[in-house]
Amino acid sequence: MVERKLFGTNGVRGIVNKQLTPEMMLKLSMATGTYFRGTDLTVGCDGRVSGPLFLGTVCAGLASVGCQVWNLGLITTPALQFLTKSCKMKGGVMITASHNPPEYNGMKVMGNHGVELPHEEELRIERIYFKEKWSRAEWNRVKEPLLVSEKFGGYFDSIMHNMGGPPRRNLKVLVDAANGVSALSTPTIVEKLGGKASLVNGEIDGTFPGRLPEPNAYNLRHTSRILPNLHVDFGVAHDGDGDRAVFLDERGSVCWGDHTFALVVRDFLEHGSGSRKVVTPISSSQIIEMMAEQYGGEVIYTAVGSVFVSNVMLKLNAMLGGEDNGGVFYSPHVPARDGGITTAMIYRIISESRSPLSKLVADLPRSYIVKDKIPCPDALKARVAESIRNLPNRGKVLNLDGIKMWLPSHSWILIRPSGTEPIVRISVEAPTKGRALKIANEYKSKLSRIIRDSKRHVVQ
């Protein structure tokens, strides 16, 4: 495997003016524009403090190699992806660090479907970057970037069209925009559905004064506390660029991303038409597979990461995908995760069911996921992975982004060597928390022995 030096799981990211400097972003944008051979590209940024700095830098770099830049300014990642697809652009560049802390920023590169480029294409951009093989345009072929003022109209229309008509009843929704760009879109989506949106952390501020942009239970504790007093039907919380949506029920409890995705899967398979395939990472809950089997669908597993889900959806012409972190993908709209359309989907499900979100989630099959990790030197990861594959197992085994083994009593374990840290990650799912913990501890002991034996073998 070729070592990647710039692009990670979701684009290029780093601390501003340390790993991520204006000089680096200029060269990276020139490499990206050279890769696209000077065609039309969308460019936008989220609300981070360094967004305007890098927006100007990236627009200049792309223009210098002959690209026609469509400058979208402040925008959510999914809205940029939708415009890239619907306006038939060759690609797009989003300046964002998604859920990372405020000192970070980054860059995602999309293809003509609005989907992040496959990793092998990102490597082509890296090669241009490191070899500095820019295709500089002649002075009279440098195109002035075009400022786009109307950014969300077609995006909103697409979401409403894909909802298939107005929901039965109007709902009240608390929107926690994380001081991010979702403040520009999600309240409008709720209102177009006939609902009423209350906004918290709604002022766009790249220092994220309300909470950190990762929409997890700890960061949402204040939103959880105030939600019941606002008498809303549910809450939705986004990350910094709006491609993820994590939901809170009417009591303020944060819902597990796999649970709300399971509701979407069931609704899609009950009422949708076309492809019955549901694409999801190998780490997703077995509840997704249960819903698919019950309603005549088929689960297709991918490696962990939104780019893998999107590109498998494109390859298989699948309509629905999802991740456990609150990312839902709906290809008739755009085959990328979109917190806006996810909000509309959950809104419609609650409205049509006439049941509160807490009951809809409580009625799903019970299942518990336990996550752990164990130290493992990078040099031993390949040997350890091979030893794991040789462990006795009576159930199904999937060798994809680690090793997933299905165990008796509706349980499974996923063992994944980390690509960024000297550790091996362990994820276990079982019908009870006690059984999940027991399996995790059992395999953690086995892994400890494997790693210890591997160290001895290397020393000998």
Protein backbone atom coordinates (compact mmCIF):
# COMPACT_ATOMS: atom_id res chain seq x y z
CA MET A 1 0.00 0.00 0.00
CA VAL A 2 1.29 3.44 -0.95
CA GLU A 3 1.80 5.65 2.10
CA ARG A 4 -0.45 8.69 2.21
CA LYS A 5 1.28 11.83 3.44
CA LEU A 6 -1.43 14.48 3.18
CA PHE A 7 -4.91 13.01 2.87
CA GLY A 8 -6.40 11.15 5.79
CA THR A 9 -9.74 9.40 6.21
CA ASN A 10 -11.66 12.58 5.37
CA GLY A 11 -9.44 14.93 3.43
CA VAL A 12 -6.47 16.95 4.65
CA ARG A 13 -6.57 18.33 8.21
CA GLY A 14 -4.22 20.00 10.63
CA ILE A 15 -3.72 22.75 13.18
CA VAL A 16 -3.77 26.15 11.47
CA ASN A 17 -0.33 27.73 10.93
CA LYS A 18 1.36 24.57 12.19
CA GLN A 19 0.56 21.54 10.06
CA LEU A 20 -1.82 23.58 7.88
CA THR A 21 -0.25 26.80 6.56
CA PRO A 22 -1.35 29.19 3.79
CA GLU A 23 1.69 28.11 1.75
CA MET A 24 0.65 24.47 2.01
CA MET A 25 -2.98 25.23 1.11
CA LEU A 26 -1.85 27.27 -1.92
CA LYS A 27 0.27 24.39 -3.23
CA LEU A 28 -2.43 21.85 -2.44
CA SER A 29 -5.05 23.87 -4.32
CA MET A 30 -2.68 24.22 -7.30
CA ALA A 31 -2.16 20.44 -7.28
CA THR A 32 -5.92 19.92 -7.06
CA GLY A 33 -6.60 22.31 -9.94
CA THR A 34 -3.89 20.61 -12.02
CA TYR A 35 -5.54 17.24 -11.30
CA PHE A 36 -8.86 18.63 -12.57
CA ARG A 37 -7.12 20.12 -15.63
CA GLY A 38 -8.37 23.66 -15.20
CA THR A 39 -12.14 22.92 -15.23
CA ASP A 40 -15.08 24.43 -13.30
CA LEU A 41 -14.95 23.81 -9.55
CA THR A 42 -17.07 24.85 -6.58
CA VAL A 43 -15.25 26.19 -3.49
CA GLY A 44 -16.66 26.99 -0.07
CA CYS A 45 -15.82 27.05 3.63
CA ASP A 46 -17.43 26.51 7.01
CA GLY A 47 -17.41 29.09 9.79
CA ARG A 48 -13.95 28.47 11.25
CA VAL A 49 -11.80 31.50 12.07
CA SER A 50 -9.26 30.57 9.39
CA GLY A 51 -11.97 29.94 6.76
CA PRO A 52 -11.75 33.32 4.97
CA LEU A 53 -7.93 33.13 4.89
CA PHE A 54 -7.91 29.70 3.28
CA LEU A 55 -10.90 30.45 1.04
CA GLY A 56 -8.98 33.25 -0.66
CA THR A 57 -5.82 31.16 -0.83
CA VAL A 58 -7.57 28.15 -2.38
CA CYS A 59 -9.48 30.26 -4.91
CA ALA A 60 -6.20 31.91 -5.96
CA GLY A 61 -4.37 28.60 -6.25
CA LEU A 62 -7.11 27.01 -8.37
CA ALA A 63 -7.41 30.09 -10.61
CA SER A 64 -3.65 30.18 -11.15
CA VAL A 65 -3.77 26.78 -12.88
CA GLY A 66 -6.67 27.76 -15.10
CA CYS A 67 -9.74 26.66 -13.12
CA GLN A 68 -13.01 28.57 -13.21
CA VAL A 69 -13.80 28.92 -9.51
CA TRP A 70 -17.38 29.22 -8.29
CA ASN A 71 -16.92 30.82 -4.86
CA LEU A 72 -19.80 29.75 -2.60
CA GLY A 73 -18.41 31.43 0.53
CA LEU A 74 -19.94 30.21 3.80
CA ILE A 75 -21.83 26.98 3.12
CA THR A 76 -22.42 23.53 4.58
CA THR A 77 -20.43 20.65 3.13
CA PRO A 78 -23.55 18.79 1.89
CA ALA A 79 -24.92 21.92 0.19
CA LEU A 80 -21.60 22.33 -1.66
CA GLN A 81 -21.68 18.66 -2.59
CA PHE A 82 -25.23 18.99 -3.87
CA LEU A 83 -24.36 22.03 -6.00
CA THR A 84 -21.27 20.28 -7.38
CA LYS A 85 -23.50 17.44 -8.55
CA SER A 86 -26.59 19.39 -9.67
CA CYS A 87 -24.65 22.12 -11.51
CA LYS A 88 -22.57 19.47 -13.29
CA MET A 89 -19.24 20.78 -12.02
CA LYS A 90 -16.14 18.66 -12.52
CA GLY A 91 -15.44 18.79 -8.80
CA GLY A 92 -15.46 20.84 -5.64
CA VAL A 93 -13.28 21.88 -2.72
CA MET A 94 -14.64 22.34 0.80
CA ILE A 95 -12.49 24.08 3.41
CA THR A 96 -13.47 22.46 6.70
CA ALA A 97 -12.23 20.37 9.59
CA SER A 98 -15.73 19.02 10.24
CA HIS A 99 -15.99 17.97 13.92
CA ASN A 100 -12.39 18.80 14.93
CA PRO A 101 -11.64 21.48 17.58
CA PRO A 102 -11.44 25.17 16.55
CA GLU A 103 -7.68 25.30 16.05
CA TYR A 104 -8.00 22.85 13.13
CA ASN A 105 -8.97 23.37 9.53
CA GLY A 106 -8.72 21.24 6.43
CA MET A 107 -9.74 20.57 2.86
CA LYS A 108 -11.97 17.98 1.20
CA VAL A 109 -11.88 17.39 -2.56
CA MET A 110 -15.06 16.20 -4.31
CA GLY A 111 -15.59 14.62 -7.72
CA ASN A 112 -18.40 15.40 -10.14
CA HIS A 113 -20.98 13.40 -8.14
CA GLY A 114 -20.35 15.61 -5.12
CA VAL A 115 -18.58 12.70 -3.42
CA GLU A 116 -15.08 12.87 -1.95
CA LEU A 117 -12.51 11.45 -4.32
CA PRO A 118 -11.51 7.81 -3.80
CA HIS A 119 -8.21 7.46 -1.98
CA GLU A 120 -6.33 6.39 -5.11
CA GLU A 121 -7.33 9.68 -6.79
CA GLU A 122 -6.24 11.66 -3.72
CA LEU A 123 -2.84 9.99 -4.09
CA ARG A 124 -2.62 11.41 -7.63
CA ILE A 125 -3.10 14.90 -6.16
CA GLU A 126 -0.40 14.15 -3.58
CA ARG A 127 2.05 13.16 -6.32
CA ILE A 128 1.44 16.45 -8.16
CA TYR A 129 1.88 18.32 -4.86
CA PHE A 130 5.21 16.75 -3.94
CA LYS A 131 6.63 16.89 -7.46
CA GLU A 132 5.34 20.48 -7.88
CA LYS A 133 4.13 19.69 -11.38
CA TRP A 134 1.63 22.54 -11.60
CA SER A 135 -0.12 23.34 -14.88
CA ARG A 136 0.16 27.13 -14.56
CA ALA A 137 -2.17 29.05 -16.86
CA GLU A 138 -1.01 31.78 -19.23
CA TRP A 139 -1.60 35.25 -17.84
CA ASN A 140 -4.53 35.90 -20.18
CA ARG A 141 -6.23 32.58 -19.30
CA VAL A 142 -6.49 33.17 -15.56
CA LYS A 143 -10.23 33.39 -14.79
CA GLU A 144 -11.64 35.62 -12.07
CA PRO A 145 -13.54 33.57 -9.42
CA LEU A 146 -17.34 33.92 -9.68
CA LEU A 147 -19.13 34.86 -6.45
CA VAL A 148 -22.32 32.82 -5.94
CA SER A 149 -24.99 34.49 -3.81
CA GLU A 150 -27.87 31.99 -4.17
CA LYS A 151 -26.50 28.81 -2.59
CA PHE A 152 -29.29 26.94 -0.83
CA GLY A 153 -32.40 27.29 -3.03
CA GLY A 154 -31.93 24.20 -5.17
CA TYR A 155 -30.61 22.29 -2.15
CA PHE A 156 -33.80 23.02 -0.17
CA ASP A 157 -35.98 22.13 -3.18
CA SER A 158 -34.24 18.77 -3.54
CA ILE A 159 -34.81 17.90 0.12
CA MET A 160 -38.50 18.81 -0.07
CA HIS A 161 -38.93 16.84 -3.31
CA ASN A 162 -37.33 13.76 -1.77
CA MET A 163 -39.63 13.93 1.25
CA GLY A 164 -42.58 13.17 -1.06
CA GLY A 165 -44.96 15.83 0.21
CA PRO A 166 -45.70 17.65 3.49
CA PRO A 167 -45.74 15.57 6.71
CA ARG A 168 -48.99 14.90 8.56
CA ARG A 169 -48.36 17.14 11.53
CA ASN A 170 -46.18 20.08 12.33
CA LEU A 171 -43.43 19.60 14.90
CA LYS A 172 -41.30 21.80 17.11
CA VAL A 173 -37.57 21.19 16.77
CA LEU A 174 -34.56 22.41 18.73
CA VAL A 175 -31.62 22.91 16.35
CA ASP A 176 -28.14 22.97 17.89
CA ALA A 177 -25.97 24.31 15.07
CA ALA A 178 -22.71 24.18 17.09
CA ASN A 179 -22.00 27.80 16.07
CA GLY A 180 -21.50 26.32 12.60
CA VAL A 181 -22.88 26.80 9.11
CA SER A 182 -25.92 24.55 9.70
CA ALA A 183 -27.50 27.67 11.18
CA LEU A 184 -27.87 28.76 7.54
CA SER A 185 -29.82 25.66 6.50
CA THR A 186 -31.46 23.41 9.10
CA PRO A 187 -33.90 25.96 10.61
CA THR A 188 -35.13 26.71 7.07
CA ILE A 189 -35.55 22.99 6.34
CA VAL A 190 -37.67 22.58 9.49
CA GLU A 191 -39.82 25.56 8.54
CA LYS A 192 -40.29 24.32 4.96
CA LEU A 193 -41.56 21.05 6.44
CA GLY A 194 -44.17 23.08 8.32
CA GLY A 195 -42.41 22.97 11.67
CA LYS A 196 -41.08 25.55 14.07
CA ALA A 197 -37.35 25.71 14.79
CA SER A 198 -35.74 26.98 17.97
CA LEU A 199 -32.03 27.63 17.55
CA VAL A 200 -29.24 27.18 20.08
CA ASN A 201 -25.57 27.91 19.33
CA GLY A 202 -26.90 29.56 16.20
CA GLU A 203 -24.44 32.40 15.72
CA ILE A 204 -21.67 31.36 13.33
CA ASP A 205 -18.46 31.65 15.34
CA GLY A 206 -15.30 29.72 14.52
CA THR A 207 -14.17 29.69 18.13
CA PHE A 208 -17.20 27.46 18.92
CA PRO A 209 -18.12 29.24 22.17
CA GLY A 210 -21.31 27.21 22.74
CA ARG A 211 -19.77 23.76 22.54
CA LEU A 212 -17.10 21.86 20.64
CA PRO A 213 -18.28 20.81 17.16
CA GLU A 214 -18.24 17.04 17.76
CA PRO A 215 -21.94 16.18 18.41
CA ASN A 216 -21.41 13.58 21.12
CA ALA A 217 -23.26 13.08 24.39
CA TYR A 218 -20.65 14.92 26.47
CA ASN A 219 -20.61 18.01 24.24
CA LEU A 220 -24.41 18.00 24.08
CA ARG A 221 -24.98 17.86 27.83
CA HIS A 222 -26.17 21.51 28.02
CA THR A 223 -28.52 21.03 25.06
CA SER A 224 -29.83 17.82 26.68
CA ARG A 225 -30.51 19.72 29.90
CA ILE A 226 -32.45 22.62 28.38
CA LEU A 227 -34.40 20.68 25.75
CA PRO A 228 -37.23 19.29 27.96
CA ASN A 229 -38.10 22.79 29.21
CA LEU A 230 -38.59 24.03 25.64
CA HIS A 231 -41.43 21.53 24.98
CA VAL A 232 -40.15 20.51 21.55
CA ASP A 233 -40.78 17.21 19.77
CA PHE A 234 -37.09 16.47 19.26
CA GLY A 235 -33.69 18.06 18.90
CA VAL A 236 -30.99 17.81 16.26
CA ALA A 237 -27.30 18.64 16.73
CA HIS A 238 -24.78 19.12 13.95
CA ASP A 239 -21.02 19.19 13.60
CA GLY A 240 -19.14 22.23 12.31
CA ASP A 241 -19.88 21.72 8.60
CA GLY A 242 -23.34 20.17 8.80
CA ASP A 243 -22.84 16.75 7.25
CA ARG A 244 -23.79 14.88 10.42
CA ALA A 245 -26.97 14.98 12.48
CA VAL A 246 -27.27 13.52 15.99
CA PHE A 247 -30.74 13.50 17.51
CA LEU A 248 -32.14 14.09 20.98
CA ASP A 249 -35.54 12.79 21.96
CA GLU A 250 -38.28 14.87 23.58
CA ARG A 251 -36.81 14.12 27.02
CA GLY A 252 -33.36 15.40 26.05
CA SER A 253 -31.70 11.97 25.76
CA VAL A 254 -29.07 11.73 23.01
CA CYS A 255 -29.92 8.96 20.54
CA TRP A 256 -27.26 6.59 19.29
CA GLY A 257 -26.58 7.23 15.58
CA ASP A 258 -27.21 3.60 14.65
CA HIS A 259 -30.65 3.79 16.28
CA THR A 260 -31.84 6.76 14.25
CA PHE A 261 -30.30 5.26 11.11
CA ALA A 262 -32.24 2.04 11.84
CA LEU A 263 -35.44 4.12 11.84
CA VAL A 264 -34.45 5.59 8.48
CA VAL A 265 -33.67 2.11 7.08
CA ARG A 266 -37.04 0.74 8.16
CA ASP A 267 -38.92 3.73 6.72
CA PHE A 268 -36.95 3.55 3.46
CA LEU A 269 -37.58 -0.17 2.98
CA GLU A 270 -41.27 0.14 3.92
CA HIS A 271 -42.08 3.07 1.64
CA GLY A 272 -39.20 3.45 -0.84
CA SER A 273 -38.79 2.02 -4.31
CA GLY A 274 -35.76 1.03 -6.34
CA SER A 275 -32.60 -0.46 -4.87
CA ARG A 276 -33.04 -2.39 -1.61
CA LYS A 277 -29.34 -2.21 -0.77
CA VAL A 278 -28.26 -0.43 2.43
CA VAL A 279 -24.58 0.52 2.55
CA THR A 280 -22.88 0.92 5.92
CA PRO A 281 -19.41 0.51 7.48
CA ILE A 282 -18.30 -2.75 9.01
CA SER A 283 -18.47 -1.12 12.48
CA SER A 284 -22.24 -0.47 12.33
CA SER A 285 -24.71 -2.07 14.70
CA GLN A 286 -26.38 -5.37 13.88
CA ILE A 287 -29.69 -3.54 14.36
CA ILE A 288 -29.19 -2.21 10.82
CA GLU A 289 -28.93 -5.74 9.48
CA MET A 290 -31.96 -6.80 11.52
CA MET A 291 -34.06 -4.00 10.04
CA ALA A 292 -32.86 -4.82 6.53
CA GLU A 293 -33.64 -8.52 6.86
CA GLN A 294 -37.07 -7.86 8.39
CA TYR A 295 -38.12 -5.49 5.59
CA GLY A 296 -36.55 -7.19 2.59
CA GLY A 297 -33.33 -5.24 2.25
CA GLU A 298 -29.68 -6.21 1.91
CA VAL A 299 -26.78 -4.76 3.91
CA ILE A 300 -23.52 -4.09 2.06
CA TYR A 301 -20.55 -3.52 4.38
CA THR A 302 -17.68 -1.15 3.64
CA ALA A 303 -14.47 -0.05 5.29
CA VAL A 304 -14.91 2.62 7.98
CA GLY A 305 -15.16 6.13 6.53
CA SER A 306 -17.75 8.19 4.64
CA VAL A 307 -15.74 8.15 1.40
CA PHE A 308 -16.00 4.34 1.28
CA VAL A 309 -19.76 4.41 1.87
CA SER A 310 -20.31 7.03 -0.86
CA ASN A 311 -18.18 5.31 -3.47
CA VAL A 312 -19.71 1.88 -2.85
CA MET A 313 -23.15 3.48 -3.20
CA LEU A 314 -22.10 4.92 -6.56
CA LYS A 315 -20.65 1.60 -7.71
CA LEU A 316 -23.75 -0.41 -6.75
CA ASN A 317 -26.30 2.29 -7.60
CA ALA A 318 -27.53 2.03 -4.00
CA MET A 319 -29.89 4.69 -2.68
CA LEU A 320 -29.29 4.62 1.09
CA GLY A 321 -26.20 4.56 3.29
CA GLY A 322 -25.38 5.44 6.88
CA GLU A 323 -22.80 5.56 9.66
CA ASP A 324 -23.08 5.26 13.44
CA ASN A 325 -21.82 8.85 13.91
CA GLY A 326 -25.00 10.47 12.59
CA GLY A 327 -24.14 10.41 8.89
CA VAL A 328 -26.92 9.41 6.47
CA PHE A 329 -26.47 9.24 2.67
CA TYR A 330 -29.38 9.41 0.20
CA SER A 331 -28.24 9.25 -3.41
CA PRO A 332 -31.37 10.63 -5.14
CA HIS A 333 -30.43 13.86 -3.32
CA VAL A 334 -26.64 13.49 -3.11
CA PRO A 335 -24.67 10.28 -2.36
CA ALA A 336 -22.86 11.87 0.58
CA ARG A 337 -23.77 12.28 4.23
CA ASP A 338 -26.06 15.23 4.80
CA GLY A 339 -27.30 16.44 8.17
CA GLY A 340 -30.00 18.51 6.46
CA ILE A 341 -31.84 15.72 4.68
CA THR A 342 -31.29 13.45 7.70
CA THR A 343 -33.15 16.01 9.83
CA ALA A 344 -35.99 16.02 7.28
CA MET A 345 -36.14 12.20 7.29
CA ILE A 346 -36.39 11.94 11.08
CA TYR A 347 -38.90 14.83 11.15
CA ARG A 348 -41.15 12.98 8.68
CA ILE A 349 -40.80 9.64 10.50
CA ILE A 350 -41.87 11.18 13.82
CA SER A 351 -44.67 13.14 12.18
CA GLU A 352 -46.08 10.16 10.30
CA SER A 353 -45.79 7.68 13.18
CA ARG A 354 -47.50 9.90 15.77
CA SER A 355 -45.11 8.40 18.33
CA PRO A 356 -42.38 10.33 20.16
CA LEU A 357 -38.77 9.67 19.23
CA SER A 358 -38.12 8.05 22.62
CA LYS A 359 -40.71 5.33 21.90
CA LEU A 360 -39.57 4.78 18.33
CA VAL A 361 -36.03 4.13 19.61
CA ALA A 362 -37.20 2.05 22.59
CA ASP A 363 -39.12 -0.28 20.24
CA LEU A 364 -35.94 -1.19 18.32
CA PRO A 365 -34.14 -4.46 19.20
CA ARG A 366 -31.92 -4.10 22.27
CA SER A 367 -28.22 -4.22 21.62
CA TYR A 368 -25.07 -2.86 23.25
CA ILE A 369 -21.73 -1.88 21.78
CA VAL A 370 -18.57 -1.78 23.87
CA LYS A 371 -15.35 -0.23 22.52
CA ASP A 372 -11.83 -0.72 23.84
CA LYS A 373 -8.24 -0.59 22.63
CA ILE A 374 -4.88 -2.15 23.38
CA PRO A 375 -1.34 -0.83 22.69
CA CYS A 376 0.37 -2.38 19.68
CA PRO A 377 3.58 -1.18 17.95
CA ASP A 378 3.02 -0.24 14.32
CA ALA A 379 5.69 -2.71 13.21
CA LEU A 380 3.70 -5.61 14.67
CA LYS A 381 0.26 -4.76 13.29
CA ALA A 382 0.51 -6.91 10.14
CA ARG A 383 1.71 -9.95 12.14
CA VAL A 384 -0.97 -9.43 14.77
CA ALA A 385 -3.69 -9.11 12.09
CA GLU A 386 -2.58 -12.42 10.56
CA SER A 387 -2.71 -14.13 13.96
CA ILE A 388 -6.22 -12.78 14.54
CA ARG A 389 -7.36 -14.27 11.23
CA ASN A 390 -6.17 -17.66 12.43
CA LEU A 391 -8.20 -17.57 15.64
CA PRO A 392 -10.82 -20.36 15.75
CA ASN A 393 -14.31 -19.12 14.99
CA ARG A 394 -17.54 -20.92 14.17
CA GLY A 395 -19.41 -17.99 12.65
CA LYS A 396 -19.07 -15.72 9.65
CA VAL A 397 -15.80 -13.79 9.28
CA LEU A 398 -15.33 -10.64 7.21
CA ASN A 399 -11.80 -9.44 6.45
CA LEU A 400 -12.46 -5.81 5.61
CA ASP A 401 -10.80 -2.89 7.39
CA GLY A 402 -9.86 -5.21 10.21
CA ILE A 403 -11.45 -8.54 11.06
CA LYS A 404 -15.11 -8.85 12.04
CA MET A 405 -16.23 -12.18 13.53
CA TRP A 406 -19.83 -13.10 14.18
CA LEU A 407 -20.17 -14.99 17.46
CA PRO A 408 -22.96 -17.07 19.03
CA SER A 409 -26.00 -15.42 20.68
CA HIS A 410 -26.33 -12.53 18.23
CA SER A 411 -22.91 -11.04 19.02
CA TRP A 412 -19.87 -9.91 17.02
CA ILE A 413 -16.40 -8.50 17.51
CA LEU A 414 -14.43 -6.19 15.23
CA ILE A 415 -10.66 -5.93 15.66
CA ARG A 416 -9.03 -3.07 13.72
CA PRO A 417 -5.39 -1.98 13.86
CA SER A 418 -5.43 1.83 13.96
CA GLY A 419 -4.08 3.64 10.94
CA THR A 420 -3.01 6.68 13.00
CA GLU A 421 -2.00 5.38 16.45
CA PRO A 422 0.07 2.45 17.82
CA ILE A 423 -3.05 0.64 19.04
CA VAL A 424 -5.51 -2.05 18.02
CA ARG A 425 -9.19 -1.09 18.41
CA ILE A 426 -11.79 -3.56 19.68
CA SER A 427 -15.55 -3.17 19.14
CA VAL A 428 -18.06 -5.70 20.45
CA GLU A 429 -21.84 -5.85 20.12
CA ALA A 430 -24.13 -8.17 22.09
CA PRO A 431 -27.74 -8.26 23.33
CA THR A 432 -26.62 -7.31 26.85
CA LYS A 433 -23.92 -5.00 28.12
CA GLY A 434 -22.57 -7.73 30.38
CA ARG A 435 -22.04 -10.14 27.50
CA ALA A 436 -20.44 -7.39 25.39
CA LEU A 437 -17.98 -6.60 28.19
CA LYS A 438 -17.21 -10.29 28.71
CA ILE A 439 -16.40 -10.78 25.00
CA ALA A 440 -14.30 -7.61 24.90
CA ASN A 441 -12.24 -8.69 27.92
CA GLU A 442 -11.81 -12.21 26.56
CA TYR A 443 -10.47 -11.03 23.21
CA LYS A 444 -8.39 -8.30 24.84
CA SER A 445 -6.57 -11.05 26.75
CA LYS A 446 -6.09 -13.05 23.53
CA LEU A 447 -4.73 -9.97 21.77
CA SER A 448 -2.33 -9.25 24.64
CA ARG A 449 -0.89 -12.75 24.27
CA ILE A 450 -0.64 -12.42 20.48
CA ILE A 451 1.16 -9.07 20.76
CA ARG A 452 3.49 -10.41 23.48
CA ASP A 453 4.33 -13.49 21.39
CA SER A 454 4.87 -11.34 18.30
CA LYS A 455 7.35 -9.16 20.20
CA ARG A 456 9.31 -12.25 21.27
CA HIS A 457 9.35 -13.56 17.72
CA VAL A 458 10.70 -10.24 16.39
CA VAL A 459 13.41 -10.11 19.08
CA GLN A 460 14.50 -13.69 18.28
